[in-house]
Amino acid sequence: MDEQQRRQFINEVWQRFEEVQNWAIANWPDRGRPLSSSDFVEARKEILALGLTGDARLDHPAQAGEPEPEQGGAQYIEVTPAPWP
């Protein structure tokens, strides 16, 4: 896949995600705790990470710049989001 195809794909994913996000915010049934665009920050980060190439795509954004375990870094880093309450 060339860079132009990758960008077109990411743009389309982003557009579709925005549509789903807007629908979710408008149709969220719990009016006492409404959704906002800030509830979708992590999903947007993942979509933007699609644009990364090579080994950079394999690194989780939270791990960037952190030392490896043998250098005193964390042995385990939680990357699975907690379930909704």
PDB file of N, CA and C in Angstrom:
ATOM      1  N   MET A   1       0.855  -1.165   0.000  1.00  0.00           N
ATOM      2  CA  MET A   1       0.000   0.000   0.000  1.00  0.00           C
ATOM      3  C   MET A   1       0.905   1.233   0.000  1.00  0.00           C
ATOM      4  N   ASP A   2       0.656   2.137  -0.918  1.00  0.00           N
ATOM      5  CA  ASP A   2       1.477   3.346  -0.954  1.00  0.00           C
ATOM      6  C   ASP A   2       0.920   4.396   0.014  1.00  0.00           C
ATOM      7  N   GLU A   3       1.668   5.459   0.193  1.00  0.00           N
ATOM      8  CA  GLU A   3       1.325   6.492   1.180  1.00  0.00           C
ATOM      9  C   GLU A   3      -0.002   7.171   0.860  1.00  0.00           C
ATOM     10  N   GLN A   4      -0.277   7.402  -0.415  1.00  0.00           N
ATOM     11  CA  GLN A   4      -1.528   8.052  -0.793  1.00  0.00           C
ATOM     12  C   GLN A   4      -2.732   7.163  -0.451  1.00  0.00           C
ATOM     13  N   GLN A   5      -2.631   5.869  -0.728  1.00  0.00           N
ATOM     14  CA  GLN A   5      -3.714   4.953  -0.387  1.00  0.00           C
ATOM     15  C   GLN A   5      -3.926   4.901   1.117  1.00  0.00           C
ATOM     16  N   ARG A   6      -2.825   4.884   1.865  1.00  0.00           N
ATOM     17  CA  ARG A   6      -2.913   4.853   3.323  1.00  0.00           C
ATOM     18  C   ARG A   6      -3.630   6.100   3.834  1.00  0.00           C
ATOM     19  N   ARG A   7      -3.273   7.269   3.313  1.00  0.00           N
ATOM     20  CA  ARG A   7      -3.908   8.516   3.745  1.00  0.00           C
ATOM     21  C   ARG A   7      -5.387   8.547   3.393  1.00  0.00           C
ATOM     22  N   GLN A   8      -5.740   8.076   2.193  1.00  0.00           N
ATOM     23  CA  GLN A   8      -7.144   8.024   1.792  1.00  0.00           C
ATOM     24  C   GLN A   8      -7.929   7.102   2.726  1.00  0.00           C
ATOM     25  N   PHE A   9      -7.338   5.960   3.048  1.00  0.00           N
ATOM     26  CA  PHE A   9      -7.996   5.014   3.946  1.00  0.00           C
ATOM     27  C   PHE A   9      -8.218   5.642   5.322  1.00  0.00           C
ATOM     28  N   ILE A  10      -7.179   6.256   5.868  1.00  0.00           N
ATOM     29  CA  ILE A  10      -7.278   6.863   7.194  1.00  0.00           C
ATOM     30  C   ILE A  10      -8.303   7.994   7.188  1.00  0.00           C
ATOM     31  N   ASN A  11      -8.326   8.793   6.127  1.00  0.00           N
ATOM     32  CA  ASN A  11      -9.323   9.859   6.025  1.00  0.00           C
ATOM     33  C   ASN A  11     -10.735   9.303   6.020  1.00  0.00           C
ATOM     34  N   GLU A  12     -10.952   8.206   5.308  1.00  0.00           N
ATOM     35  CA  GLU A  12     -12.283   7.608   5.272  1.00  0.00           C
ATOM     36  C   GLU A  12     -12.653   7.002   6.623  1.00  0.00           C
ATOM     37  N   VAL A  13     -11.709   6.326   7.271  1.00  0.00           N
ATOM     38  CA  VAL A  13     -11.968   5.775   8.601  1.00  0.00           C
ATOM     39  C   VAL A  13     -12.318   6.907   9.561  1.00  0.00           C
ATOM     40  N   TRP A  14     -11.556   8.005   9.488  1.00  0.00           N
ATOM     41  CA  TRP A  14     -11.802   9.147  10.371  1.00  0.00           C
ATOM     42  C   TRP A  14     -13.202   9.713  10.154  1.00  0.00           C
ATOM     43  N   GLN A  15     -13.575   9.885   8.889  1.00  0.00           N
ATOM     44  CA  GLN A  15     -14.895  10.428   8.566  1.00  0.00           C
ATOM     45  C   GLN A  15     -16.000   9.514   9.089  1.00  0.00           C
ATOM     46  N   ARG A  16     -15.869   8.219   8.876  1.00  0.00           N
ATOM     47  CA  ARG A  16     -16.880   7.278   9.351  1.00  0.00           C
ATOM     48  C   ARG A  16     -16.928   7.239  10.874  1.00  0.00           C
ATOM     49  N   PHE A  17     -15.755   7.335  11.510  1.00  0.00           N
ATOM     50  CA  PHE A  17     -15.718   7.360  12.962  1.00  0.00           C
ATOM     51  C   PHE A  17     -16.436   8.594  13.500  1.00  0.00           C
ATOM     52  N   GLU A  18     -16.215   9.741  12.880  1.00  0.00           N
ATOM     53  CA  GLU A  18     -16.887  10.970  13.302  1.00  0.00           C
ATOM     54  C   GLU A  18     -18.406  10.803  13.202  1.00  0.00           C
ATOM     55  N   GLU A  19     -18.877  10.151  12.142  1.00  0.00           N
ATOM     56  CA  GLU A  19     -20.311   9.918  11.990  1.00  0.00           C
ATOM     57  C   GLU A  19     -20.839   9.023  13.104  1.00  0.00           C
ATOM     58  N   VAL A  20     -20.118   7.957  13.413  1.00  0.00           N
ATOM     59  CA  VAL A  20     -20.535   7.050  14.489  1.00  0.00           C
ATOM     60  C   VAL A  20     -20.495   7.773  15.833  1.00  0.00           C
ATOM     61  N   GLN A  21     -19.441   8.550  16.054  1.00  0.00           N
ATOM     62  CA  GLN A  21     -19.319   9.307  17.304  1.00  0.00           C
ATOM     63  C   GLN A  21     -20.498  10.254  17.470  1.00  0.00           C
ATOM     64  N   ASN A  22     -20.831  11.004  16.428  1.00  0.00           N
ATOM     65  CA  ASN A  22     -21.952  11.939  16.497  1.00  0.00           C
ATOM     66  C   ASN A  22     -23.264  11.215  16.751  1.00  0.00           C
ATOM     67  N   TRP A  23     -23.450  10.066  16.105  1.00  0.00           N
ATOM     68  CA  TRP A  23     -24.655   9.279  16.331  1.00  0.00           C
ATOM     69  C   TRP A  23     -24.712   8.796  17.776  1.00  0.00           C
ATOM     70  N   ALA A  24     -23.590   8.294  18.292  1.00  0.00           N
ATOM     71  CA  ALA A  24     -23.544   7.786  19.666  1.00  0.00           C
ATOM     72  C   ALA A  24     -23.857   8.893  20.670  1.00  0.00           C
ATOM     73  N   ILE A  25     -23.295  10.065  20.461  1.00  0.00           N
ATOM     74  CA  ILE A  25     -23.547  11.190  21.373  1.00  0.00           C
ATOM     75  C   ILE A  25     -25.014  11.584  21.330  1.00  0.00           C
ATOM     76  N   ALA A  26     -25.594  11.647  20.134  1.00  0.00           N
ATOM     77  CA  ALA A  26     -26.993  12.058  19.979  1.00  0.00           C
ATOM     78  C   ALA A  26     -27.973  11.022  20.513  1.00  0.00           C
ATOM     79  N   ASN A  27     -27.599   9.731  20.484  1.00  0.00           N
ATOM     80  CA  ASN A  27     -28.541   8.679  20.853  1.00  0.00           C
ATOM     81  C   ASN A  27     -28.230   7.987  22.171  1.00  0.00           C
ATOM     82  N   TRP A  28     -27.242   8.470  22.910  1.00  0.00           N
ATOM     83  CA  TRP A  28     -26.866   7.882  24.187  1.00  0.00           C
ATOM     84  C   TRP A  28     -28.064   7.952  25.134  1.00  0.00           C
ATOM     85  N   PRO A  29     -28.516   6.811  25.666  1.00  0.00           N
ATOM     86  CA  PRO A  29     -29.754   6.800  26.455  1.00  0.00           C
ATOM     87  C   PRO A  29     -29.630   7.369  27.870  1.00  0.00           C
ATOM     88  N   ASP A  30     -28.455   7.462  28.447  1.00  0.00           N
ATOM     89  CA  ASP A  30     -28.300   7.942  29.819  1.00  0.00           C
ATOM     90  C   ASP A  30     -28.099   9.452  29.811  1.00  0.00           C
ATOM     91  N   ARG A  31     -29.189  10.204  29.856  1.00  0.00           N
ATOM     92  CA  ARG A  31     -29.112  11.669  29.788  1.00  0.00           C
ATOM     93  C   ARG A  31     -28.491  12.257  31.056  1.00  0.00           C
ATOM     94  N   GLY A  32     -28.455  11.485  32.139  1.00  0.00           N
ATOM     95  CA  GLY A  32     -27.834  11.950  33.372  1.00  0.00           C
ATOM     96  C   GLY A  32     -26.325  12.028  33.261  1.00  0.00           C
ATOM     97  N   ARG A  33     -25.758  11.197  32.421  1.00  0.00           N
ATOM     98  CA  ARG A  33     -24.308  11.186  32.160  1.00  0.00           C
ATOM     99  C   ARG A  33     -24.093  11.162  30.653  1.00  0.00           C
ATOM    100  N   PRO A  34     -24.270  12.298  29.998  1.00  0.00           N
ATOM    101  CA  PRO A  34     -24.166  12.328  28.532  1.00  0.00           C
ATOM    102  C   PRO A  34     -22.738  12.074  28.043  1.00  0.00           C
ATOM    103  N   LEU A  35     -22.656  11.530  26.846  1.00  0.00           N
ATOM    104  CA  LEU A  35     -21.363  11.344  26.188  1.00  0.00           C
ATOM    105  C   LEU A  35     -20.906  12.664  25.588  1.00  0.00           C
ATOM    106  N   SER A  36     -19.614  12.786  25.418  1.00  0.00           N
ATOM    107  CA  SER A  36     -19.065  13.944  24.709  1.00  0.00           C
ATOM    108  C   SER A  36     -17.926  13.447  23.823  1.00  0.00           C
ATOM    109  N   SER A  37     -17.413  14.315  23.003  1.00  0.00           N
ATOM    110  CA  SER A  37     -16.328  13.907  22.109  1.00  0.00           C
ATOM    111  C   SER A  37     -15.088  13.504  22.894  1.00  0.00           C
ATOM    112  N   SER A  38     -14.936  13.993  24.126  1.00  0.00           N
ATOM    113  CA  SER A  38     -13.777  13.605  24.938  1.00  0.00           C
ATOM    114  C   SER A  38     -13.828  12.133  25.331  1.00  0.00           C
ATOM    115  N   ASP A  39     -14.993  11.509  25.279  1.00  0.00           N
ATOM    116  CA  ASP A  39     -15.111  10.084  25.576  1.00  0.00           C
ATOM    117  C   ASP A  39     -14.516   9.218  24.476  1.00  0.00           C
ATOM    118  N   PHE A  40     -14.169   9.821  23.363  1.00  0.00           N
ATOM    119  CA  PHE A  40     -13.673   9.075  22.208  1.00  0.00           C
ATOM    120  C   PHE A  40     -12.211   9.380  21.887  1.00  0.00           C
ATOM    121  N   VAL A  41     -11.502   9.989  22.811  1.00  0.00           N
ATOM    122  CA  VAL A  41     -10.114  10.398  22.578  1.00  0.00           C
ATOM    123  C   VAL A  41      -9.227   9.202  22.241  1.00  0.00           C
ATOM    124  N   GLU A  42      -9.326   8.130  23.009  1.00  0.00           N
ATOM    125  CA  GLU A  42      -8.451   6.973  22.789  1.00  0.00           C
ATOM    126  C   GLU A  42      -8.714   6.337  21.422  1.00  0.00           C
ATOM    127  N   ALA A  43      -9.970   6.296  21.015  1.00  0.00           N
ATOM    128  CA  ALA A  43     -10.288   5.740  19.697  1.00  0.00           C
ATOM    129  C   ALA A  43      -9.674   6.598  18.593  1.00  0.00           C
ATOM    130  N   ARG A  44      -9.719   7.922  18.760  1.00  0.00           N
ATOM    131  CA  ARG A  44      -9.106   8.799  17.759  1.00  0.00           C
ATOM    132  C   ARG A  44      -7.593   8.589  17.695  1.00  0.00           C
ATOM    133  N   LYS A  45      -6.967   8.371  18.844  1.00  0.00           N
ATOM    134  CA  LYS A  45      -5.528   8.104  18.857  1.00  0.00           C
ATOM    135  C   LYS A  45      -5.206   6.836  18.070  1.00  0.00           C
ATOM    136  N   GLU A  46      -6.027   5.818  18.236  1.00  0.00           N
ATOM    137  CA  GLU A  46      -5.802   4.563  17.525  1.00  0.00           C
ATOM    138  C   GLU A  46      -5.960   4.750  16.018  1.00  0.00           C
ATOM    139  N   ILE A  47      -6.939   5.538  15.607  1.00  0.00           N
ATOM    140  CA  ILE A  47      -7.127   5.794  14.178  1.00  0.00           C
ATOM    141  C   ILE A  47      -5.923   6.546  13.622  1.00  0.00           C
ATOM    142  N   LEU A  48      -5.457   7.545  14.352  1.00  0.00           N
ATOM    143  CA  LEU A  48      -4.287   8.296  13.892  1.00  0.00           C
ATOM    144  C   LEU A  48      -3.045   7.417  13.839  1.00  0.00           C
ATOM    145  N   ALA A  49      -2.960   6.431  14.724  1.00  0.00           N
ATOM    146  CA  ALA A  49      -1.814   5.524  14.728  1.00  0.00           C
ATOM    147  C   ALA A  49      -1.774   4.653  13.479  1.00  0.00           C
ATOM    148  N   LEU A  50      -2.898   4.529  12.781  1.00  0.00           N
ATOM    149  CA  LEU A  50      -2.900   3.781  11.527  1.00  0.00           C
ATOM    150  C   LEU A  50      -1.965   4.418  10.512  1.00  0.00           C
ATOM    151  N   GLY A  51      -1.729   5.703  10.647  1.00  0.00           N
ATOM    152  CA  GLY A  51      -0.865   6.419   9.721  1.00  0.00           C
ATOM    153  C   GLY A  51       0.610   6.168   9.954  1.00  0.00           C
ATOM    154  N   LEU A  52       0.939   5.589  11.093  1.00  0.00           N
ATOM    155  CA  LEU A  52       2.337   5.291  11.367  1.00  0.00           C
ATOM    156  C   LEU A  52       2.771   4.100  10.541  1.00  0.00           C
ATOM    157  N   THR A  53       4.043   4.060  10.203  1.00  0.00           N
ATOM    158  CA  THR A  53       4.549   2.953   9.396  1.00  0.00           C
ATOM    159  C   THR A  53       5.614   2.192  10.163  1.00  0.00           C
ATOM    160  N   GLY A  54       5.854   0.995   9.740  1.00  0.00           N
ATOM    161  CA  GLY A  54       6.937   0.183  10.294  1.00  0.00           C
ATOM    162  C   GLY A  54       6.777  -0.111  11.766  1.00  0.00           C
ATOM    163  N   ASP A  55       7.920  -0.119  12.488  1.00  0.00           N
ATOM    164  CA  ASP A  55       7.925  -0.470  13.899  1.00  0.00           C
ATOM    165  C   ASP A  55       7.185   0.538  14.759  1.00  0.00           C
ATOM    166  N   ALA A  56       7.069   1.785  14.323  1.00  0.00           N
ATOM    167  CA  ALA A  56       6.390   2.803  15.117  1.00  0.00           C
ATOM    168  C   ALA A  56       4.929   2.427  15.351  1.00  0.00           C
ATOM    169  N   ARG A  57       4.331   1.704  14.414  1.00  0.00           N
ATOM    170  CA  ARG A  57       2.942   1.297  14.547  1.00  0.00           C
ATOM    171  C   ARG A  57       2.784   0.245  15.630  1.00  0.00           C
ATOM    172  N   LEU A  58       3.814  -0.515  15.881  1.00  0.00           N
ATOM    173  CA  LEU A  58       3.746  -1.594  16.860  1.00  0.00           C
ATOM    174  C   LEU A  58       3.844  -1.091  18.291  1.00  0.00           C
ATOM    175  N   ASP A  59       4.447   0.058  18.486  1.00  0.00           N
ATOM    176  CA  ASP A  59       4.594   0.612  19.828  1.00  0.00           C
ATOM    177  C   ASP A  59       3.292   1.260  20.257  1.00  0.00           C
ATOM    178  N   HIS A  60       2.884   0.987  21.480  1.00  0.00           N
ATOM    179  CA  HIS A  60       1.704   1.650  22.013  1.00  0.00           C
ATOM    180  C   HIS A  60       2.099   3.081  22.339  1.00  0.00           C
ATOM    181  N   PRO A  61       1.248   4.078  22.053  1.00  0.00           N
ATOM    182  CA  PRO A  61       1.625   5.474  22.285  1.00  0.00           C
ATOM    183  C   PRO A  61       2.074   5.749  23.723  1.00  0.00           C
ATOM    184  N   ALA A  62       1.476   5.085  24.700  1.00  0.00           N
ATOM    185  CA  ALA A  62       1.841   5.320  26.095  1.00  0.00           C
ATOM    186  C   ALA A  62       3.251   4.818  26.400  1.00  0.00           C
ATOM    187  N   GLN A  63       3.793   3.948  25.552  1.00  0.00           N
ATOM    188  CA  GLN A  63       5.101   3.373  25.802  1.00  0.00           C
ATOM    189  C   GLN A  63       6.232   4.165  25.152  1.00  0.00           C
ATOM    190  N   ALA A  64       5.904   5.133  24.357  1.00  0.00           N
ATOM    191  CA  ALA A  64       6.934   5.870  23.629  1.00  0.00           C
ATOM    192  C   ALA A  64       7.892   6.547  24.602  1.00  0.00           C
ATOM    193  N   GLY A  65       9.173   6.265  24.465  1.00  0.00           N
ATOM    194  CA  GLY A  65      10.188   6.889  25.285  1.00  0.00           C
ATOM    195  C   GLY A  65      10.408   6.254  26.640  1.00  0.00           C
ATOM    196  N   GLU A  66       9.606   5.250  27.002  1.00  0.00           N
ATOM    197  CA  GLU A  66       9.776   4.590  28.294  1.00  0.00           C
ATOM    198  C   GLU A  66      10.887   3.561  28.206  1.00  0.00           C
ATOM    199  N   PRO A  67      11.622   3.338  29.316  1.00  0.00           N
ATOM    200  CA  PRO A  67      12.705   2.352  29.290  1.00  0.00           C
ATOM    201  C   PRO A  67      12.172   0.925  29.181  1.00  0.00           C
ATOM    202  N   GLU A  68      12.964   0.065  28.599  1.00  0.00           N
ATOM    203  CA  GLU A  68      12.632  -1.351  28.503  1.00  0.00           C
ATOM    204  C   GLU A  68      12.697  -1.977  29.899  1.00  0.00           C
ATOM    205  N   PRO A  69      12.021  -3.131  30.108  1.00  0.00           N
ATOM    206  CA  PRO A  69      12.052  -3.763  31.433  1.00  0.00           C
ATOM    207  C   PRO A  69      13.464  -4.013  31.957  1.00  0.00           C
ATOM    208  N   GLU A  70      14.395  -4.411  31.084  1.00  0.00           N
ATOM    209  CA  GLU A  70      15.757  -4.679  31.542  1.00  0.00           C
ATOM    210  C   GLU A  70      16.502  -3.397  31.915  1.00  0.00           C
ATOM    211  N   GLN A  71      15.917  -2.257  31.558  1.00  0.00           N
ATOM    212  CA  GLN A  71      16.515  -0.968  31.904  1.00  0.00           C
ATOM    213  C   GLN A  71      15.772  -0.316  33.073  1.00  0.00           C
ATOM    214  N   GLY A  72      14.958  -1.101  33.772  1.00  0.00           N
ATOM    215  CA  GLY A  72      14.219  -0.587  34.924  1.00  0.00           C
ATOM    216  C   GLY A  72      12.806  -0.145  34.608  1.00  0.00           C
ATOM    217  N   GLY A  73      12.355  -0.347  33.382  1.00  0.00           N
ATOM    218  CA  GLY A  73      10.993   0.024  33.012  1.00  0.00           C
ATOM    219  C   GLY A  73       9.971  -0.982  33.514  1.00  0.00           C
ATOM    220  N   ALA A  74       8.720  -0.681  33.290  1.00  0.00           N
ATOM    221  CA  ALA A  74       7.630  -1.543  33.746  1.00  0.00           C
ATOM    222  C   ALA A  74       7.695  -2.909  33.072  1.00  0.00           C
ATOM    223  N   GLN A  75       7.390  -3.942  33.851  1.00  0.00           N
ATOM    224  CA  GLN A  75       7.354  -5.296  33.315  1.00  0.00           C
ATOM    225  C   GLN A  75       6.069  -5.531  32.519  1.00  0.00           C
ATOM    226  N   TYR A  76       5.008  -4.847  32.920  1.00  0.00           N
ATOM    227  CA  TYR A  76       3.703  -5.028  32.283  1.00  0.00           C
ATOM    228  C   TYR A  76       3.029  -3.664  32.196  1.00  0.00           C
ATOM    229  N   ILE A  77       2.497  -3.350  31.036  1.00  0.00           N
ATOM    230  CA  ILE A  77       1.769  -2.099  30.850  1.00  0.00           C
ATOM    231  C   ILE A  77       0.375  -2.444  30.363  1.00  0.00           C
ATOM    232  N   GLU A  78      -0.626  -2.061  31.142  1.00  0.00           N
ATOM    233  CA  GLU A  78      -2.023  -2.330  30.809  1.00  0.00           C
ATOM    234  C   GLU A  78      -2.430  -1.499  29.599  1.00  0.00           C
ATOM    235  N   VAL A  79      -2.878  -2.168  28.545  1.00  0.00           N
ATOM    236  CA  VAL A  79      -3.323  -1.448  27.350  1.00  0.00           C
ATOM    237  C   VAL A  79      -4.787  -1.714  27.034  1.00  0.00           C
ATOM    238  N   THR A  80      -5.417  -2.607  27.805  1.00  0.00           N
ATOM    239  CA  THR A  80      -6.817  -2.913  27.601  1.00  0.00           C
ATOM    240  C   THR A  80      -7.653  -1.937  28.417  1.00  0.00           C
ATOM    241  N   PRO A  81      -8.584  -1.217  27.788  1.00  0.00           N
ATOM    242  CA  PRO A  81      -9.378  -0.261  28.560  1.00  0.00           C
ATOM    243  C   PRO A  81     -10.292  -0.974  29.551  1.00  0.00           C
ATOM    244  N   ALA A  82     -10.537  -0.314  30.639  1.00  0.00           N
ATOM    245  CA  ALA A  82     -11.449  -0.861  31.648  1.00  0.00           C
ATOM    246  C   ALA A  82     -12.874  -0.838  31.090  1.00  0.00           C
ATOM    247  N   PRO A  83     -13.701  -1.780  31.504  1.00  0.00           N
ATOM    248  CA  PRO A  83     -15.090  -1.771  31.015  1.00  0.00           C
ATOM    249  C   PRO A  83     -15.858  -0.570  31.571  1.00  0.00           C
ATOM    250  N   TRP A  84     -16.897  -0.207  30.890  1.00  0.00           N
ATOM    251  CA  TRP A  84     -17.717   0.913  31.353  1.00  0.00           C
ATOM    252  C   TRP A  84     -18.375   0.547  32.656  1.00  0.00           C
ATOM    253  N   PRO A  85     -18.567   1.501  33.510  1.00  0.00           N
ATOM    254  CA  PRO A  85     -19.225   1.214  34.819  1.00  0.00           C
ATOM    255  C   PRO A  85     -20.659   0.819  34.654  1.00  0.00           C
TER     256      PRO A  85
END
